Amino acid sequence: MLTDDFGREVRGVRVSLTDRCNFDCVYCHNEGLGDTRGPMDPQDDEMSTDDVVRFLEVAAEFDVEAVKFTGGEPMLRQDLEEIIARTPDSMEISMTTNGTFLPGRAGDLVDAGLERVNVSQDALDREQFAAVTQSGAYDRVLEGVDAALEAGLDPVKLNMVVFQHTAGYVPEMVDHVAENEGLQLQLIQYMPELTGKPEWNVEIERVHEWLAEQAVGVEHREMHDRRRYWIASDDADIALEGDEECDGVDAIADDPNVGMVEIVDPVENPTFCANCHRVRVTHDGYLKGCLNRNDDLKPMGEMTRPEIREAYREVVADRVPFYGEYMVRSDDGEWELNEKYLETQAEA
């Protein structure tokens, strides 16, 4: 397993299979590339089935343990089941999707080897969902979640981006996962630096504080220094105090009347960046070491194994924590580019 200069092992890869999507979410940053989505038909620049599999086989040589397939909408790839089936057995396979194509395909994906799924669901209100996603697919997404559960993808993790348009729906979504067995909630901090709408931002620490007040238990996760909040429904029989820090939450997690809520909060968070163990792959065959940067893109050429190996080694060697190294605090407390790092790169 390769390790960068900051001691971070690269344990996982996140592979975008397409930048096409049947939604047009207002907060989309397309894996940090910006809104580059084109026509809905398959594009010539998308990695082929064999290209994706060849990359994963090379990644497995470096002991990469997990792959998450993303997009755009990865289920627009009709070869998705084949890609999953041909993924090395040593890798845990997960996917992030908007859920609209899960009905009718979830079972085949599980049979191919899919183990976990995240479904984007930003509101339980039909009109607000349509406003955020620019789609009328609310009912289809709910059907997709049900299909995933029926296929055995339990728990299904719902992704909700928290920003001005959705913040008021957080309590309802938290109650939803607490009351429905098999669901978990991942609240994702809005990233204004990637979307260009800073006025939509909300203070994520207030969400942390509110969840801590509601929780019957809190679990600290090493990965990205995250916290999980365990929220009980009215039917739960839990005696723990809301502010109790739990080293082990097995008893809580096994209660079907308790839901798990996790916050992903990378913005201005050096601890998050210091615990990043992932390399990303763009739909057109570039490696990138950081979501927030596109100046570190590494092409994999014609996708031969030697080219993939060389690019992979280079991108890992060049990985830098975005906050705390690439961006540093100035004397007045603001984040600014690290001039010393940029000078070092220019000399390299």
Protein backbone atom coordinates (compact mmCIF):
# COMPACT_ATOMS: atom_id res chain seq x y z
CA MET A 1 0.00 0.00 0.00
CA LEU A 2 1.46 3.34 -1.05
CA THR A 3 1.86 6.14 1.50
CA ASP A 4 2.21 9.83 0.70
CA ASP A 5 4.76 12.18 2.30
CA PHE A 6 2.29 12.97 5.09
CA GLY A 7 1.97 9.37 6.22
CA ARG A 8 -1.46 8.84 4.65
CA GLU A 9 -1.95 5.38 3.18
CA VAL A 10 -4.10 5.23 0.06
CA ARG A 11 -6.64 2.59 1.02
CA GLY A 12 -9.46 3.47 -1.37
CA VAL A 13 -10.25 4.86 -4.79
CA ARG A 14 -13.30 6.78 -5.95
CA VAL A 15 -13.99 6.15 -9.65
CA SER A 16 -16.29 8.41 -11.65
CA LEU A 17 -17.77 6.33 -14.46
CA THR A 18 -19.46 9.22 -16.27
CA ASP A 19 -20.16 12.92 -15.88
CA ARG A 20 -23.64 12.42 -17.38
CA CYS A 21 -26.59 12.71 -15.01
CA ASN A 22 -30.37 12.70 -15.26
CA PHE A 23 -30.51 15.23 -12.40
CA ASP A 24 -29.23 18.81 -12.42
CA CYS A 25 -28.64 19.43 -8.71
CA VAL A 26 -28.00 23.08 -7.93
CA TYR A 27 -25.03 22.26 -5.67
CA CYS A 28 -23.30 19.83 -8.06
CA HIS A 29 -19.54 20.19 -8.45
CA ASN A 30 -19.03 17.00 -10.50
CA GLU A 31 -16.25 15.49 -8.40
CA GLY A 32 -14.56 18.88 -8.16
CA LEU A 33 -14.33 19.35 -11.93
CA GLY A 34 -17.20 21.83 -12.16
CA ASP A 35 -20.45 21.34 -14.02
CA THR A 36 -19.00 19.82 -17.19
CA ARG A 37 -21.86 17.50 -17.97
CA GLY A 38 -22.80 17.22 -21.60
CA PRO A 39 -25.35 15.17 -23.56
CA MET A 40 -27.01 12.16 -21.94
CA ASP A 41 -25.72 9.75 -24.59
CA PRO A 42 -22.47 7.84 -23.90
CA GLN A 43 -19.43 9.98 -24.67
CA ASP A 44 -16.21 8.99 -26.40
CA ASP A 45 -14.06 10.33 -23.55
CA GLU A 46 -15.52 7.97 -20.94
CA MET A 47 -13.23 5.18 -19.81
CA SER A 48 -14.21 1.88 -21.37
CA THR A 49 -15.19 -1.18 -19.35
CA ASP A 50 -11.73 -2.65 -19.87
CA ASP A 51 -10.04 0.64 -18.91
CA VAL A 52 -11.89 0.81 -15.60
CA VAL A 53 -11.19 -2.83 -14.78
CA ARG A 54 -7.52 -2.51 -15.76
CA PHE A 55 -7.13 0.48 -13.42
CA LEU A 56 -8.77 -1.42 -10.57
CA GLU A 57 -6.51 -4.41 -11.12
CA VAL A 58 -3.46 -2.14 -10.91
CA ALA A 59 -4.86 -0.45 -7.80
CA ALA A 60 -5.27 -3.89 -6.24
CA GLU A 61 -1.54 -4.46 -6.84
CA PHE A 62 -0.99 -1.56 -4.43
CA ASP A 63 -3.31 -3.14 -1.84
CA VAL A 64 -6.17 -0.70 -2.36
CA GLU A 65 -8.99 -2.12 -0.25
CA ALA A 66 -12.12 -0.36 -1.51
CA VAL A 67 -13.64 1.28 -4.56
CA LYS A 68 -16.65 3.60 -4.70
CA PHE A 69 -18.26 4.11 -8.10
CA THR A 70 -19.66 7.59 -8.71
CA GLY A 71 -20.65 9.90 -11.53
CA GLY A 72 -22.46 11.97 -12.62
CA GLU A 73 -24.92 9.13 -12.30
CA PRO A 74 -22.98 5.83 -12.49
CA MET A 75 -26.07 3.80 -13.32
CA LEU A 76 -26.26 5.50 -16.72
CA ARG A 77 -23.45 3.11 -17.57
CA GLN A 78 -25.10 0.00 -18.97
CA ASP A 79 -21.89 -1.94 -18.32
CA LEU A 80 -21.98 -1.18 -14.57
CA GLU A 81 -22.86 -4.74 -13.60
CA GLU A 82 -19.96 -6.04 -15.68
CA ILE A 83 -17.53 -3.55 -14.17
CA ILE A 84 -18.59 -4.58 -10.66
CA ALA A 85 -18.37 -8.28 -11.49
CA ARG A 86 -14.84 -7.83 -12.83
CA THR A 87 -13.62 -5.71 -9.90
CA PRO A 88 -10.88 -7.54 -7.96
CA ASP A 89 -12.26 -9.73 -5.19
CA SER A 90 -9.99 -8.05 -2.64
CA MET A 91 -11.90 -4.75 -2.93
CA GLU A 92 -15.03 -3.70 -1.09
CA ILE A 93 -17.42 -2.28 -3.69
CA SER A 94 -19.81 0.60 -3.04
CA MET A 95 -21.65 3.15 -5.15
CA THR A 96 -23.17 6.62 -4.88
CA THR A 97 -26.30 7.10 -6.97
CA ASN A 98 -29.43 9.23 -7.17
CA GLY A 99 -31.39 5.98 -6.95
CA THR A 100 -33.67 6.41 -9.94
CA PHE A 101 -32.33 3.36 -11.76
CA LEU A 102 -32.15 1.02 -8.76
CA PRO A 103 -35.64 -0.41 -9.32
CA GLY A 104 -35.11 -3.35 -11.66
CA ARG A 105 -31.30 -3.34 -11.34
CA ALA A 106 -30.51 -3.46 -7.62
CA GLY A 107 -30.67 -7.26 -7.48
CA ASP A 108 -28.35 -7.66 -10.46
CA LEU A 109 -25.88 -5.22 -8.94
CA VAL A 110 -25.81 -7.21 -5.71
CA ASP A 111 -25.37 -10.43 -7.66
CA ALA A 112 -22.43 -8.82 -9.47
CA GLY A 113 -20.78 -7.92 -6.14
CA LEU A 114 -22.06 -4.52 -5.00
CA GLU A 115 -21.91 -4.37 -1.19
CA ARG A 116 -23.01 -0.87 -0.17
CA VAL A 117 -24.92 2.03 -1.68
CA ASN A 118 -25.37 5.74 -0.93
CA VAL A 119 -28.52 7.33 -2.34
CA SER A 120 -28.74 11.10 -2.72
CA GLN A 121 -31.92 12.37 -1.11
CA ASP A 122 -31.87 16.01 -0.13
CA ALA A 123 -35.43 16.40 1.16
CA LEU A 124 -38.56 14.49 2.05
CA ASP A 125 -40.65 17.26 0.58
CA ARG A 126 -41.52 16.63 -3.07
CA GLU A 127 -41.45 20.29 -4.15
CA GLN A 128 -38.21 21.07 -2.36
CA PHE A 129 -36.61 17.92 -3.76
CA ALA A 130 -37.57 19.05 -7.25
CA ALA A 131 -36.17 22.53 -6.63
CA VAL A 132 -32.79 21.14 -5.50
CA THR A 133 -32.40 18.36 -8.07
CA GLN A 134 -34.19 20.03 -10.99
CA SER A 135 -36.04 16.76 -11.52
CA GLY A 136 -39.44 15.27 -10.90
CA ALA A 137 -38.03 11.93 -9.78
CA TYR A 138 -38.92 12.09 -6.07
CA ASP A 139 -41.12 8.97 -6.07
CA ARG A 140 -38.63 7.07 -8.20
CA VAL A 141 -35.86 7.78 -5.67
CA LEU A 142 -38.01 6.41 -2.84
CA GLU A 143 -38.66 3.31 -4.96
CA GLY A 144 -34.92 3.02 -5.51
CA VAL A 145 -34.21 3.06 -1.78
CA ASP A 146 -36.81 0.33 -1.25
CA ALA A 147 -35.31 -1.71 -4.09
CA ALA A 148 -31.84 -1.44 -2.56
CA LEU A 149 -33.13 -2.64 0.81
CA GLU A 150 -35.01 -5.52 -0.79
CA ALA A 151 -31.84 -6.52 -2.65
CA GLY A 152 -29.93 -6.74 0.63
CA LEU A 153 -28.00 -3.46 0.50
CA ASP A 154 -28.67 -2.87 4.17
CA PRO A 155 -28.04 -0.29 5.51
CA VAL A 156 -28.76 2.19 2.74
CA LYS A 157 -27.04 5.47 3.47
CA LEU A 158 -28.95 8.58 2.39
CA ASN A 159 -26.78 11.53 1.31
CA MET A 160 -28.14 14.99 2.09
CA VAL A 161 -26.19 18.15 1.25
CA VAL A 162 -26.79 20.73 3.97
CA PHE A 163 -27.13 24.27 2.66
CA GLN A 164 -29.64 27.09 2.61
CA HIS A 165 -32.16 25.16 0.51
CA THR A 166 -32.20 22.03 2.69
CA ALA A 167 -31.15 22.98 6.23
CA GLY A 168 -34.74 23.29 7.43
CA TYR A 169 -35.43 19.69 6.44
CA VAL A 170 -32.61 18.16 8.49
CA PRO A 171 -34.79 17.34 11.57
CA GLU A 172 -37.38 15.61 9.39
CA MET A 173 -34.70 13.54 7.65
CA VAL A 174 -33.10 12.62 10.99
CA ASP A 175 -36.47 11.39 12.26
CA HIS A 176 -36.94 9.48 9.00
CA VAL A 177 -33.81 7.37 9.46
CA ALA A 178 -34.52 6.86 13.17
CA GLU A 179 -37.97 5.52 12.39
CA ASN A 180 -37.09 3.35 9.38
CA GLU A 181 -34.87 0.32 9.94
CA GLY A 182 -32.16 -0.15 7.36
CA LEU A 183 -31.55 3.55 6.69
CA GLN A 184 -28.66 5.78 7.74
CA LEU A 185 -28.08 9.46 7.04
CA GLN A 186 -24.95 11.22 5.85
CA LEU A 187 -25.18 15.00 6.13
CA ILE A 188 -22.67 16.50 3.73
CA GLN A 189 -21.32 19.97 4.30
CA TYR A 190 -21.96 22.32 1.40
CA MET A 191 -18.73 23.33 -0.37
CA PRO A 192 -19.06 26.91 -1.58
CA GLU A 193 -15.51 26.98 -2.93
CA LEU A 194 -16.53 24.38 -5.53
CA THR A 195 -19.97 25.70 -6.40
CA GLY A 196 -19.50 29.47 -6.37
CA LYS A 197 -22.53 30.27 -4.21
CA PRO A 198 -21.15 31.27 -0.78
CA GLU A 199 -24.47 32.84 0.18
CA TRP A 200 -25.99 29.33 0.34
CA ASN A 201 -23.65 28.22 3.11
CA VAL A 202 -24.88 27.34 6.62
CA GLU A 203 -22.83 26.93 9.79
CA ILE A 204 -22.24 23.18 10.02
CA GLU A 205 -21.16 23.40 13.66
CA ARG A 206 -24.71 24.34 14.58
CA VAL A 207 -25.86 21.06 13.04
CA HIS A 208 -23.27 19.18 15.10
CA GLU A 209 -24.49 20.88 18.26
CA TRP A 210 -28.14 20.14 17.51
CA LEU A 211 -27.43 16.48 16.80
CA ALA A 212 -25.42 16.14 20.01
CA GLU A 213 -28.44 17.39 21.92
CA GLN A 214 -30.72 14.86 20.23
CA ALA A 215 -28.39 11.86 20.32
CA VAL A 216 -28.59 8.89 22.68
CA GLY A 217 -24.97 8.12 21.85
CA VAL A 218 -22.03 9.56 19.93
CA GLU A 219 -19.37 7.48 18.25
CA HIS A 220 -16.02 8.92 17.21
CA ARG A 221 -14.66 7.56 13.93
CA GLU A 222 -10.97 7.65 13.11
CA MET A 223 -11.62 8.13 9.40
CA HIS A 224 -11.63 11.89 8.76
CA ASP A 225 -12.15 12.42 12.52
CA ARG A 226 -15.91 12.10 12.00
CA ARG A 227 -18.63 11.70 14.60
CA ARG A 228 -21.67 9.49 14.32
CA TYR A 229 -24.81 10.47 16.18
CA TRP A 230 -27.27 7.78 17.21
CA ILE A 231 -30.82 9.12 17.22
CA ALA A 232 -33.67 7.21 18.86
CA SER A 233 -37.23 7.11 17.60
CA ASP A 234 -40.12 7.37 20.02
CA ASP A 235 -40.27 3.55 20.15
CA ALA A 236 -36.65 3.07 21.25
CA ASP A 237 -35.81 1.86 24.75
CA ILE A 238 -32.49 3.64 25.33
CA ALA A 239 -31.23 4.83 28.68
CA LEU A 240 -28.10 6.72 27.61
CA GLU A 241 -27.82 10.47 28.05
CA GLY A 242 -27.71 12.58 24.93
CA ASP A 243 -24.20 13.94 25.51
CA GLU A 244 -22.57 10.62 26.36
CA GLU A 245 -19.50 9.72 24.32
CA CYS A 246 -19.61 6.02 23.49
CA ASP A 247 -16.52 3.94 22.88
CA GLY A 248 -18.73 1.05 21.88
CA VAL A 249 -22.24 1.49 20.57
CA ASP A 250 -23.10 -2.05 19.54
CA ALA A 251 -26.19 -2.19 21.73
CA ILE A 252 -27.46 1.09 20.31
CA ALA A 253 -26.61 0.20 16.71
CA ASP A 254 -28.51 -3.08 16.94
CA ASP A 255 -31.71 -1.38 18.07
CA PRO A 256 -34.05 -1.11 15.03
CA ASN A 257 -35.56 2.02 16.56
CA VAL A 258 -32.27 3.93 16.55
CA GLY A 259 -30.86 5.62 13.46
CA MET A 260 -27.31 6.66 12.66
CA VAL A 261 -26.49 10.16 11.41
CA GLU A 262 -23.01 11.19 10.32
CA ILE A 263 -21.69 14.59 9.22
CA VAL A 264 -19.08 14.92 6.48
CA ASP A 265 -17.49 18.33 7.11
CA PRO A 266 -14.30 18.87 5.08
CA VAL A 267 -14.49 22.65 4.63
CA GLU A 268 -11.66 24.45 6.45
CA ASN A 269 -10.99 21.21 8.35
CA PRO A 270 -7.28 20.24 8.55
CA THR A 271 -8.13 17.13 10.57
CA PHE A 272 -10.39 15.88 7.79
CA CYS A 273 -7.64 16.36 5.22
CA ALA A 274 -5.01 14.79 7.45
CA ASN A 275 -7.10 11.62 7.52
CA CYS A 276 -7.87 11.40 3.80
CA HIS A 277 -6.92 7.99 2.38
CA ARG A 278 -8.47 8.22 -1.07
CA VAL A 279 -7.42 8.85 -4.66
CA ARG A 280 -10.01 9.90 -7.24
CA VAL A 281 -10.38 8.90 -10.88
CA THR A 282 -12.21 11.13 -13.35
CA HIS A 283 -14.57 9.69 -15.93
CA ASP A 284 -12.07 10.44 -18.71
CA GLY A 285 -9.12 8.66 -17.15
CA TYR A 286 -7.28 11.17 -14.98
CA LEU A 287 -6.13 10.62 -11.41
CA LYS A 288 -6.46 13.36 -8.81
CA GLY A 289 -5.27 13.36 -5.23
CA CYS A 290 -7.70 15.95 -3.87
CA LEU A 291 -11.32 16.82 -4.57
CA ASN A 292 -10.63 20.54 -4.19
CA ARG A 293 -7.80 20.66 -6.73
CA ASN A 294 -7.54 20.15 -10.47
CA ASP A 295 -3.94 21.31 -10.82
CA ASP A 296 -2.81 17.85 -9.67
CA LEU A 297 -4.56 15.85 -12.42
CA LYS A 298 -2.46 12.96 -13.74
CA PRO A 299 -3.38 11.40 -17.09
CA MET A 300 -3.16 7.64 -17.39
CA GLY A 301 -2.33 7.87 -21.09
CA GLU A 302 -3.60 4.97 -23.16
CA MET A 303 -4.48 3.11 -19.95
CA THR A 304 -1.77 0.48 -20.30
CA ARG A 305 -0.73 -1.16 -17.04
CA PRO A 306 2.71 0.53 -16.96
CA GLU A 307 1.12 3.95 -17.61
CA ILE A 308 -1.47 3.40 -14.90
CA ARG A 309 1.18 2.30 -12.40
CA GLU A 310 3.37 5.33 -13.12
CA ALA A 311 0.48 7.80 -12.87
CA TYR A 312 -0.79 6.18 -9.69
CA ARG A 313 2.62 6.35 -8.01
CA GLU A 314 2.98 10.01 -9.04
CA VAL A 315 -0.43 11.10 -7.79
CA VAL A 316 0.14 9.42 -4.42
CA ALA A 317 3.60 10.95 -4.10
CA ASP A 318 2.16 14.41 -4.84
CA ARG A 319 -0.82 14.18 -2.46
CA VAL A 320 -0.98 17.13 -0.07
CA PRO A 321 -3.58 17.83 2.64
CA PHE A 322 -5.65 20.66 1.18
CA TYR A 323 -6.29 22.42 4.49
CA GLY A 324 -3.18 22.64 6.63
CA GLU A 325 -0.65 22.37 3.80
CA TYR A 326 -1.92 23.51 0.39
CA MET A 327 -4.06 26.10 2.20
CA VAL A 328 -2.74 27.55 5.47
CA ARG A 329 -3.94 30.08 8.01
CA SER A 330 -2.66 33.62 7.57
CA ASP A 331 -1.74 35.85 10.48
CA ASP A 332 -5.28 37.26 10.53
CA GLY A 333 -6.81 33.76 10.64
CA GLU A 334 -7.94 33.55 7.00
CA TRP A 335 -7.13 30.62 4.73
CA GLU A 336 -4.66 31.42 1.95
CA LEU A 337 -2.49 29.54 -0.54
CA ASN A 338 0.74 28.21 0.92
CA GLU A 339 3.33 30.15 -1.06
CA LYS A 340 6.18 27.96 0.21
CA TYR A 341 4.43 24.87 -1.17
CA LEU A 342 3.78 26.54 -4.51
CA GLU A 343 7.44 27.60 -4.75
CA THR A 344 8.54 24.06 -3.98
CA GLN A 345 6.28 22.70 -6.72
CA ALA A 346 7.57 25.23 -9.21
CA GLU A 347 11.14 24.14 -8.52
CA ALA A 348 10.31 20.44 -8.82
